[in-house]
Each structure stands twice: as C-alpha cells, then as structure tokens.
Amino acid sequence: MRSEVIELHTGTRRFTDVTQSLNDFCSSEGDGLVHAFVPHATAGLAIMETGSGSEADLSGVLDEVFPRDDRWSHSHGSSGHGADHVIPAFVAPSITVPVIGGRLQLGTWQSLVLVDTNVDNPTRKLRLSFLPA
C-alpha cells in the first residue's frame, strides 16, 4: 500500500474540492482502491456535485442542523465550535473510491470535497492511501 499526507489550506472555506489531488495521487497506479482520510475531529469528506449550488445547500443544512450558538457542551474556541465536533459523526472523516487504470471511478458530476466548518483551524491534513487490486 502506498500512502502520503498532503496539507490543505482551507482558510474560512467550508468546502475544498480535493478531487484533483486524488486524481494526481492515483494517476500512476493501475486498478485498486484509494482511501482518503482526514485526521481531524472537526472535518469530514463528502462526495457531491460542486459548482451547481450544492455547496450553498449543504452549508444551509449544516447551519440549520448544527447552529453556531452556545448550546454545545464542547465550548472552547469560536462561537458554536461545539457543532464542529459533532459534524464528523454525520460527514464521515474517510471515503474509499474505486480506481481503474489510474482513474477515479466517480460519476460524471461527482467530486470529493473536504467539509470543514471550523474557522479556528485554517490548515488541514489529508491522508491518501492506495491499495492495489
């Protein structure tokens, strides 16, 4: 298995498209599985359509379900930071995607995005691992 960690500078963006990073990582491989993992307690990964308004829709749902207020028991950091620690239970910190001939087998409109609502941490790590068939 080949594995490496890349660093992402998310700033205050909630969504960072990492599809190209995975494509680059797999381009010299054959068939197998690529696994992406975010080793953070306040971020997750999702497969979704980007650029069509889906990011705004997901952001709205996250704000509705996980309000940025002081209701959370986990209370350090910026206002509502406790919600950041609950989101990864719903937006998983890892995803596995099939690879054939060095190419991700995502659907036409699918992209892999890092979902990060935590404005207190603008830098993230993403571990990519390739398991050959």
C-alpha atoms as a PDB file:
ATOM      1  CA  MET A   1       0.000   0.000   0.000  1.00  0.00           C
ATOM      2  CA  ARG A   2       1.253   3.459  -0.894  1.00  0.00           C
ATOM      3  CA  SER A   3       0.287   6.330   1.409  1.00  0.00           C
ATOM      4  CA  GLU A   4       1.067  10.025   1.718  1.00  0.00           C
ATOM      5  CA  VAL A   5      -0.219  13.072   3.549  1.00  0.00           C
ATOM      6  CA  ILE A   6      -0.981  16.346   1.806  1.00  0.00           C
ATOM      7  CA  GLU A   7      -1.594  19.653   3.514  1.00  0.00           C
ATOM      8  CA  LEU A   8      -4.595  21.762   2.599  1.00  0.00           C
ATOM      9  CA  HIS A   9      -5.062  25.454   3.326  1.00  0.00           C
ATOM     10  CA  THR A  10      -8.805  25.808   3.747  1.00  0.00           C
ATOM     11  CA  GLY A  11      -8.878  29.275   5.319  1.00  0.00           C
ATOM     12  CA  THR A  12     -12.534  30.011   6.069  1.00  0.00           C
ATOM     13  CA  ARG A  13     -13.917  27.915   3.179  1.00  0.00           C
ATOM     14  CA  ARG A  14     -16.353  25.254   4.264  1.00  0.00           C
ATOM     15  CA  PHE A  15     -15.763  23.155   1.159  1.00  0.00           C
ATOM     16  CA  THR A  16     -12.462  22.346  -0.516  1.00  0.00           C
ATOM     17  CA  ASP A  17     -12.556  20.217  -3.656  1.00  0.00           C
ATOM     18  CA  VAL A  18      -9.822  17.575  -3.359  1.00  0.00           C
ATOM     19  CA  THR A  19     -10.783  15.542  -6.450  1.00  0.00           C
ATOM     20  CA  GLN A  20      -7.735  16.649  -8.427  1.00  0.00           C
ATOM     21  CA  SER A  21      -5.418  15.780  -5.535  1.00  0.00           C
ATOM     22  CA  LEU A  22      -6.821  12.238  -5.531  1.00  0.00           C
ATOM     23  CA  ASN A  23      -6.588  12.008  -9.330  1.00  0.00           C
ATOM     24  CA  ASP A  24      -2.942  13.113  -9.198  1.00  0.00           C
ATOM     25  CA  PHE A  25      -2.184  10.604  -6.435  1.00  0.00           C
ATOM     26  CA  CYS A  26      -3.725   7.715  -8.424  1.00  0.00           C
ATOM     27  CA  SER A  27      -2.548   8.650 -11.932  1.00  0.00           C
ATOM     28  CA  SER A  28       0.498   6.354 -11.889  1.00  0.00           C
ATOM     29  CA  GLU A  29      -1.430   3.434 -10.394  1.00  0.00           C
ATOM     30  CA  GLY A  30      -3.428   0.683 -12.041  1.00  0.00           C
ATOM     31  CA  ASP A  31      -6.578  -0.814 -10.565  1.00  0.00           C
ATOM     32  CA  GLY A  32      -7.375  -0.705  -6.859  1.00  0.00           C
ATOM     33  CA  LEU A  33      -8.911   1.438  -4.165  1.00  0.00           C
ATOM     34  CA  VAL A  34      -7.969   4.904  -2.985  1.00  0.00           C
ATOM     35  CA  HIS A  35      -8.802   5.797   0.570  1.00  0.00           C
ATOM     36  CA  ALA A  36      -8.924   9.414   1.774  1.00  0.00           C
ATOM     37  CA  PHE A  37      -8.862  10.185   5.497  1.00  0.00           C
ATOM     38  CA  VAL A  38      -8.944  13.495   7.369  1.00  0.00           C
ATOM     39  CA  PRO A  39      -7.257  13.056  10.789  1.00  0.00           C
ATOM     40  CA  HIS A  40      -9.195  15.892  12.418  1.00  0.00           C
ATOM     41  CA  ALA A  41     -12.061  15.928  14.930  1.00  0.00           C
ATOM     42  CA  THR A  42     -13.820  18.795  13.135  1.00  0.00           C
ATOM     43  CA  ALA A  43     -13.756  17.908   9.421  1.00  0.00           C
ATOM     44  CA  GLY A  44     -15.131  15.252   7.100  1.00  0.00           C
ATOM     45  CA  LEU A  45     -15.254  14.181   3.464  1.00  0.00           C
ATOM     46  CA  ALA A  46     -18.208  14.023   1.102  1.00  0.00           C
ATOM     47  CA  ILE A  47     -18.878  13.030  -2.486  1.00  0.00           C
ATOM     48  CA  MET A  48     -21.156  15.619  -4.062  1.00  0.00           C
ATOM     49  CA  GLU A  49     -21.790  17.738  -7.133  1.00  0.00           C
ATOM     50  CA  THR A  50     -19.920  21.037  -6.931  1.00  0.00           C
ATOM     51  CA  GLY A  51     -20.444  24.339  -8.686  1.00  0.00           C
ATOM     52  CA  SER A  52     -24.206  23.932  -9.065  1.00  0.00           C
ATOM     53  CA  GLY A  53     -25.322  25.439  -5.772  1.00  0.00           C
ATOM     54  CA  SER A  54     -24.978  22.206  -3.821  1.00  0.00           C
ATOM     55  CA  GLU A  55     -22.301  23.728  -1.588  1.00  0.00           C
ATOM     56  CA  ALA A  56     -24.691  26.529  -0.524  1.00  0.00           C
ATOM     57  CA  ASP A  57     -27.450  23.954   0.020  1.00  0.00           C
ATOM     58  CA  LEU A  58     -25.229  21.765   2.197  1.00  0.00           C
ATOM     59  CA  SER A  59     -23.954  24.806   4.075  1.00  0.00           C
ATOM     60  CA  GLY A  60     -27.542  25.823   4.820  1.00  0.00           C
ATOM     61  CA  VAL A  61     -28.403  22.349   6.090  1.00  0.00           C
ATOM     62  CA  LEU A  62     -25.306  22.289   8.304  1.00  0.00           C
ATOM     63  CA  ASP A  63     -26.261  25.678   9.781  1.00  0.00           C
ATOM     64  CA  GLU A  64     -29.842  24.531  10.372  1.00  0.00           C
ATOM     65  CA  VAL A  65     -28.976  21.187  11.940  1.00  0.00           C
ATOM     66  CA  PHE A  66     -25.809  22.376  13.723  1.00  0.00           C
ATOM     67  CA  PRO A  67     -26.452  26.011  14.765  1.00  0.00           C
ATOM     68  CA  ARG A  68     -23.448  28.215  15.502  1.00  0.00           C
ATOM     69  CA  ASP A  69     -24.535  29.151  19.012  1.00  0.00           C
ATOM     70  CA  ASP A  70     -23.654  28.296  22.600  1.00  0.00           C
ATOM     71  CA  ARG A  71     -25.922  25.237  23.059  1.00  0.00           C
ATOM     72  CA  TRP A  72     -22.977  22.838  22.722  1.00  0.00           C
ATOM     73  CA  SER A  73     -21.289  21.216  25.747  1.00  0.00           C
ATOM     74  CA  HIS A  74     -17.960  21.379  23.931  1.00  0.00           C
ATOM     75  CA  SER A  75     -17.495  25.114  24.349  1.00  0.00           C
ATOM     76  CA  HIS A  76     -13.922  26.271  23.676  1.00  0.00           C
ATOM     77  CA  GLY A  77     -12.976  28.207  20.536  1.00  0.00           C
ATOM     78  CA  SER A  78     -15.194  30.455  18.458  1.00  0.00           C
ATOM     79  CA  SER A  79     -18.942  30.679  18.990  1.00  0.00           C
ATOM     80  CA  GLY A  80     -20.638  27.418  18.016  1.00  0.00           C
ATOM     81  CA  HIS A  81     -17.367  25.499  17.827  1.00  0.00           C
ATOM     82  CA  GLY A  82     -19.025  22.580  19.624  1.00  0.00           C
ATOM     83  CA  ALA A  83     -21.033  21.959  16.445  1.00  0.00           C
ATOM     84  CA  ASP A  84     -17.758  21.447  14.555  1.00  0.00           C
ATOM     85  CA  HIS A  85     -17.053  18.429  16.759  1.00  0.00           C
ATOM     86  CA  VAL A  86     -20.440  16.841  16.042  1.00  0.00           C
ATOM     87  CA  ILE A  87     -20.437  17.250  12.252  1.00  0.00           C
ATOM     88  CA  PRO A  88     -17.889  14.422  11.584  1.00  0.00           C
ATOM     89  CA  ALA A  89     -20.403  11.949  13.045  1.00  0.00           C
ATOM     90  CA  PHE A  90     -22.610  12.855  10.054  1.00  0.00           C
ATOM     91  CA  VAL A  91     -19.986  13.759   7.431  1.00  0.00           C
ATOM     92  CA  ALA A  92     -17.521  10.881   7.818  1.00  0.00           C
ATOM     93  CA  PRO A  93     -13.778  11.566   8.057  1.00  0.00           C
ATOM     94  CA  SER A  94     -12.966   8.986   5.372  1.00  0.00           C
ATOM     95  CA  ILE A  95     -14.061   7.805   1.933  1.00  0.00           C
ATOM     96  CA  THR A  96     -12.920   4.969  -0.342  1.00  0.00           C
ATOM     97  CA  VAL A  97     -13.229   5.248  -4.135  1.00  0.00           C
ATOM     98  CA  PRO A  98     -12.516   2.557  -6.766  1.00  0.00           C
ATOM     99  CA  VAL A  99      -9.689   3.263  -9.222  1.00  0.00           C
ATOM    100  CA  ILE A 100      -9.382   1.642 -12.650  1.00  0.00           C
ATOM    101  CA  GLY A 101      -6.375   2.324 -14.830  1.00  0.00           C
ATOM    102  CA  GLY A 102      -5.200   5.076 -12.511  1.00  0.00           C
ATOM    103  CA  ARG A 103      -8.507   6.999 -12.742  1.00  0.00           C
ATOM    104  CA  LEU A 104     -11.052   7.592 -10.019  1.00  0.00           C
ATOM    105  CA  GLN A 105     -14.351   5.942 -10.841  1.00  0.00           C
ATOM    106  CA  LEU A 106     -16.537   8.849  -9.791  1.00  0.00           C
ATOM    107  CA  GLY A 107     -19.764   9.644 -11.577  1.00  0.00           C
ATOM    108  CA  THR A 108     -19.939  12.465 -14.133  1.00  0.00           C
ATOM    109  CA  TRP A 109     -20.960  15.144 -11.645  1.00  0.00           C
ATOM    110  CA  GLN A 110     -19.303  13.758  -8.515  1.00  0.00           C
ATOM    111  CA  SER A 111     -16.423  15.474  -6.739  1.00  0.00           C
ATOM    112  CA  LEU A 112     -14.723  14.687  -3.466  1.00  0.00           C
ATOM    113  CA  VAL A 113     -14.786  17.604  -1.029  1.00  0.00           C
ATOM    114  CA  LEU A 114     -13.363  18.310   2.384  1.00  0.00           C
ATOM    115  CA  VAL A 115     -16.149  19.662   4.603  1.00  0.00           C
ATOM    116  CA  ASP A 116     -14.696  21.947   7.263  1.00  0.00           C
ATOM    117  CA  THR A 117     -16.831  24.321   9.335  1.00  0.00           C
ATOM    118  CA  ASN A 118     -14.056  25.022  11.865  1.00  0.00           C
ATOM    119  CA  VAL A 119     -12.757  28.547  11.203  1.00  0.00           C
ATOM    120  CA  ASP A 120     -10.300  28.168  14.094  1.00  0.00           C
ATOM    121  CA  ASN A 121      -8.099  25.772  12.078  1.00  0.00           C
ATOM    122  CA  PRO A 122      -7.281  27.009   8.530  1.00  0.00           C
ATOM    123  CA  THR A 123      -4.817  24.195   7.716  1.00  0.00           C
ATOM    124  CA  ARG A 124      -5.784  20.542   7.324  1.00  0.00           C
ATOM    125  CA  LYS A 125      -4.069  17.277   6.526  1.00  0.00           C
ATOM    126  CA  LEU A 126      -5.459  14.685   4.147  1.00  0.00           C
ATOM    127  CA  ARG A 127      -4.017  11.153   4.130  1.00  0.00           C
ATOM    128  CA  LEU A 128      -4.301   9.369   0.793  1.00  0.00           C
ATOM    129  CA  SER A 129      -3.681   5.636   0.600  1.00  0.00           C
ATOM    130  CA  PHE A 130      -3.744   3.415  -2.490  1.00  0.00           C
ATOM    131  CA  LEU A 131      -4.390  -0.298  -2.191  1.00  0.00           C
ATOM    132  CA  PRO A 132      -3.655  -2.091  -5.488  1.00  0.00           C
ATOM    133  CA  ALA A 133      -6.036  -4.789  -6.756  1.00  0.00           C
END
